[in-house]
C-alpha cells in the first residue's frame, strides 16, 4: 500500500497546523499532532507538555543551546542528553505512524525523519509578518509587541532545533519540496493545492 505522507513545517503564526488539519479532513486521512505527542510521551516517560514544548524547539533561542547541553549518565537514557534522547524516540514514533498508512504530520522534523520514504510530500508553510502577528494576537490574546516577540523567539528555536538535528537549512527550498505563502495564496487555496499535490 502506498504510504502517501504529507509533512508540514511552518513559521510560527503562519497557520500551518490549521492547514494540516484541514488537509487531513478533506482527504479523510489521519492528522498526527496530539496523538504523536502522547505516543512520544508514553515511550519516553516525559510528560506530554514537556514533549510538546521540547519536541521541535531548541532549549533556548541561543545558537549554543545544544553545544553546552549536559550529557546523560551512562545507563540512563543511553547516556544521551534529554534533547537527543527525545529526538530519537520522536523519530521512531513518526516512522511507526507513517507505517500505518497515509497521514499528515505537522512539525517535529517529520520530513527528515521520513527521508527514506519515497511517498512523502514535504511542504514549508510561511506567511507575511503582518498576517502572522494578527493571527498570534487573535489566537493567544497577545499584545502586538508580545506577538512579535513570540514569533521571533519561536522561529529561532524551531530553526535551531531543525538545523541541529537535520543539518539542513530550516525554511529553505533546499530542505523542502515546496514553500507555500499563505498570505499570497489564502488558506483555502493553500489547502486545495496540497490536496491536489497529494492526489496527483
Protein backbone atom coordinates (compact mmCIF):
# COMPACT_ATOMS: atom_id res chain seq x y z
CA UNK A 1 0.00 0.00 0.00
CA UNK A 2 1.21 3.50 -0.79
CA UNK A 3 2.17 5.46 2.29
CA UNK A 4 1.50 8.92 0.79
CA UNK A 5 2.54 11.04 3.73
CA UNK A 6 2.29 14.83 3.95
CA UNK A 7 4.75 16.60 6.23
CA UNK A 8 4.32 20.28 7.04
CA UNK A 9 6.97 22.52 8.55
CA UNK A 10 5.89 26.06 9.28
CA UNK A 11 6.66 29.51 10.58
CA UNK A 12 5.01 30.39 13.87
CA UNK A 13 1.72 32.13 13.18
CA UNK A 14 1.52 31.06 9.53
CA UNK A 15 -1.45 28.77 10.15
CA UNK A 16 0.47 25.64 9.19
CA UNK A 17 -1.15 23.44 11.83
CA UNK A 18 -4.64 24.60 10.84
CA UNK A 19 -3.82 23.92 7.19
CA UNK A 20 -2.55 20.44 8.03
CA UNK A 21 -5.72 19.65 9.94
CA UNK A 22 -7.95 20.89 7.09
CA UNK A 23 -5.99 18.92 4.51
CA UNK A 24 -6.31 15.73 6.57
CA UNK A 25 -10.06 16.28 6.97
CA UNK A 26 -10.62 16.82 3.24
CA UNK A 27 -8.51 13.81 2.30
CA UNK A 28 -10.00 11.61 5.01
CA UNK A 29 -6.62 10.62 6.43
CA UNK A 30 -5.21 10.84 9.99
CA UNK A 31 -3.74 14.08 11.31
CA UNK A 32 -1.00 13.41 13.83
CA UNK A 33 -0.36 16.10 16.38
CA UNK A 34 -1.60 15.35 19.90
CA UNK A 35 -1.51 11.61 19.24
CA UNK A 36 2.14 11.89 18.20
CA UNK A 37 2.95 13.87 21.34
CA UNK A 38 1.13 11.37 23.56
CA UNK A 39 2.91 8.40 21.96
CA UNK A 40 6.32 10.03 22.38
CA UNK A 41 5.43 10.83 26.00
CA UNK A 42 4.43 7.22 26.60
CA UNK A 43 7.64 5.81 25.15
CA UNK A 44 10.00 8.39 26.65
CA UNK A 45 8.47 8.74 30.10
CA UNK A 46 8.30 12.52 29.74
CA UNK A 47 5.11 14.47 30.37
CA UNK A 48 3.10 15.33 27.22
CA UNK A 49 3.52 19.05 27.93
CA UNK A 50 7.30 18.63 28.05
CA UNK A 51 7.29 16.68 24.77
CA UNK A 52 5.08 19.26 23.08
CA UNK A 53 7.41 22.08 24.07
CA UNK A 54 10.78 20.38 23.54
CA UNK A 55 9.93 18.08 20.60
CA UNK A 56 10.52 20.78 17.98
CA UNK A 57 12.17 23.66 19.84
CA UNK A 58 15.76 24.15 20.93
CA UNK A 59 16.27 24.65 24.70
CA UNK A 60 16.73 28.38 24.07
CA UNK A 61 16.99 30.87 21.22
CA UNK A 62 20.79 30.79 21.51
CA UNK A 63 22.90 29.16 18.81
CA UNK A 64 24.86 27.42 21.58
CA UNK A 65 21.88 25.79 23.32
CA UNK A 66 22.94 22.31 22.15
CA UNK A 67 26.69 22.81 22.34
CA UNK A 68 26.52 23.22 26.12
CA UNK A 69 23.70 20.77 26.83
CA UNK A 70 24.73 18.29 29.56
CA UNK A 71 25.11 14.66 28.50
CA UNK A 72 23.20 11.92 30.22
CA UNK A 73 24.67 9.38 32.60
CA UNK A 74 25.64 6.02 31.01
CA UNK A 75 22.78 3.59 31.56
CA UNK A 76 20.26 6.43 31.84
CA UNK A 77 18.67 7.42 28.51
CA UNK A 78 21.57 5.55 26.86
CA UNK A 79 23.90 8.30 28.03
CA UNK A 80 22.20 10.81 25.72
CA UNK A 81 21.18 14.32 26.64
CA UNK A 82 17.46 14.82 27.26
CA UNK A 83 17.11 16.54 23.87
CA UNK A 84 18.90 13.76 21.95
CA UNK A 85 17.01 11.02 23.76
CA UNK A 86 13.70 12.71 22.95
CA UNK A 87 14.76 13.22 19.32
CA UNK A 88 15.50 9.51 18.83
CA UNK A 89 12.18 8.40 20.28
CA UNK A 90 10.27 11.03 18.33
CA UNK A 91 11.81 9.88 15.03
CA UNK A 92 10.88 6.28 15.80
CA UNK A 93 7.30 7.25 16.62
CA UNK A 94 6.98 9.27 13.39
CA UNK A 95 8.20 6.25 11.41
CA UNK A 96 5.73 3.98 13.21
CA UNK A 97 2.82 6.31 12.46
CA UNK A 98 3.85 6.62 8.82
CA UNK A 99 3.97 2.83 8.51
CA UNK A 100 0.25 2.70 9.32
CA UNK A 101 -0.59 4.43 6.05
CA UNK A 102 -1.43 7.88 4.60
CA UNK A 103 -1.41 10.75 7.08
CA UNK A 104 -0.48 14.38 7.73
CA UNK A 105 2.33 15.15 10.17
CA UNK A 106 2.99 18.73 11.27
CA UNK A 107 6.37 19.88 12.55
CA UNK A 108 8.89 17.83 14.53
CA UNK A 109 11.24 17.47 11.54
CA UNK A 110 8.82 14.96 10.05
CA UNK A 111 10.26 15.41 6.57
CA UNK A 112 13.73 14.47 7.81
CA UNK A 113 12.52 11.56 9.95
CA UNK A 114 10.81 10.15 6.83
CA UNK A 115 13.60 10.94 4.38
CA UNK A 116 13.98 7.27 3.44
CA UNK A 117 10.31 7.01 2.37
CA UNK A 118 9.52 7.91 -1.25
CA UNK A 119 5.81 8.76 -0.90
CA UNK A 120 6.29 11.95 1.13
CA UNK A 121 5.01 15.38 0.11
CA UNK A 122 7.22 17.75 2.10
CA UNK A 123 6.00 21.34 2.47
CA UNK A 124 7.02 24.50 4.30
CA UNK A 125 4.24 26.97 5.14
CA UNK A 126 5.10 30.64 5.54
CA UNK A 127 3.20 33.93 5.71
CA UNK A 128 3.81 37.67 5.80
CA UNK A 129 4.81 39.05 9.20
CA UNK A 130 1.74 41.28 9.42
CA UNK A 131 -0.59 38.31 9.00
CA UNK A 132 1.38 36.22 11.47
CA UNK A 133 1.24 38.95 14.10
CA UNK A 134 -2.51 39.29 13.65
CA UNK A 135 -3.03 35.53 13.93
CA UNK A 136 -0.96 35.24 17.12
CA UNK A 137 -2.67 38.26 18.70
CA UNK A 138 -6.06 36.76 17.94
CA UNK A 139 -5.26 33.21 18.97
CA UNK A 140 -3.36 33.88 22.19
CA UNK A 141 -4.82 37.30 23.09
CA UNK A 142 -1.33 38.82 22.94
CA UNK A 143 -0.47 42.47 22.50
CA UNK A 144 1.25 43.34 19.22
CA UNK A 145 4.60 43.59 20.99
CA UNK A 146 4.18 40.20 22.69
CA UNK A 147 3.09 38.62 19.41
CA UNK A 148 6.20 39.91 17.63
CA UNK A 149 8.45 38.67 20.43
CA UNK A 150 6.75 35.25 20.42
CA UNK A 151 7.17 34.93 16.65
CA UNK A 152 10.87 35.80 16.71
CA UNK A 153 11.59 33.56 19.70
CA UNK A 154 9.61 30.55 18.43
CA UNK A 155 11.01 30.76 14.92
CA UNK A 156 14.56 30.94 16.27
CA UNK A 157 14.05 27.90 18.48
CA UNK A 158 12.41 25.90 15.68
CA UNK A 159 15.21 26.89 13.32
CA UNK A 160 17.98 25.87 15.75
CA UNK A 161 16.21 22.59 16.54
CA UNK A 162 15.68 21.71 12.87
CA UNK A 163 19.19 22.63 11.78
CA UNK A 164 20.85 20.92 14.75
CA UNK A 165 19.24 17.56 14.00
CA UNK A 166 18.86 17.62 10.21
CA UNK A 167 21.94 19.65 9.22
CA UNK A 168 19.69 21.33 6.67
CA UNK A 169 18.51 24.92 6.47
CA UNK A 170 15.08 25.49 8.03
CA UNK A 171 12.61 27.08 5.62
CA UNK A 172 14.89 26.68 2.61
CA UNK A 173 13.77 25.30 -0.74
CA UNK A 174 16.87 23.09 -0.50
CA UNK A 175 15.33 21.42 2.57
CA UNK A 176 11.72 21.13 1.37
CA UNK A 177 9.95 20.17 -1.84
CA UNK A 178 7.81 23.30 -1.87
CA UNK A 179 7.28 26.55 0.05
CA UNK A 180 3.74 27.95 0.18
CA UNK A 181 2.99 31.53 1.24
CA UNK A 182 -0.46 31.59 2.85
CA UNK A 183 -0.62 35.38 2.71
CA UNK A 184 -0.44 35.28 -1.08
CA UNK A 185 -2.45 32.13 -1.68
CA UNK A 186 -5.06 32.31 1.09
CA UNK A 187 -5.91 29.49 3.48
CA UNK A 188 -8.45 27.67 1.29
CA UNK A 189 -6.33 27.80 -1.85
CA UNK A 190 -3.29 26.55 0.07
CA UNK A 191 -5.31 23.60 1.35
CA UNK A 192 -6.59 22.87 -2.15
CA UNK A 193 -3.09 23.00 -3.66
CA UNK A 194 -1.82 20.49 -1.09
CA UNK A 195 -4.83 18.27 -1.72
CA UNK A 196 -4.14 18.30 -5.46
CA UNK A 197 -0.45 17.56 -4.92
CA UNK A 198 -1.42 14.59 -2.77
CA UNK A 199 -3.90 13.22 -5.31
CA UNK A 200 -1.57 13.55 -8.27
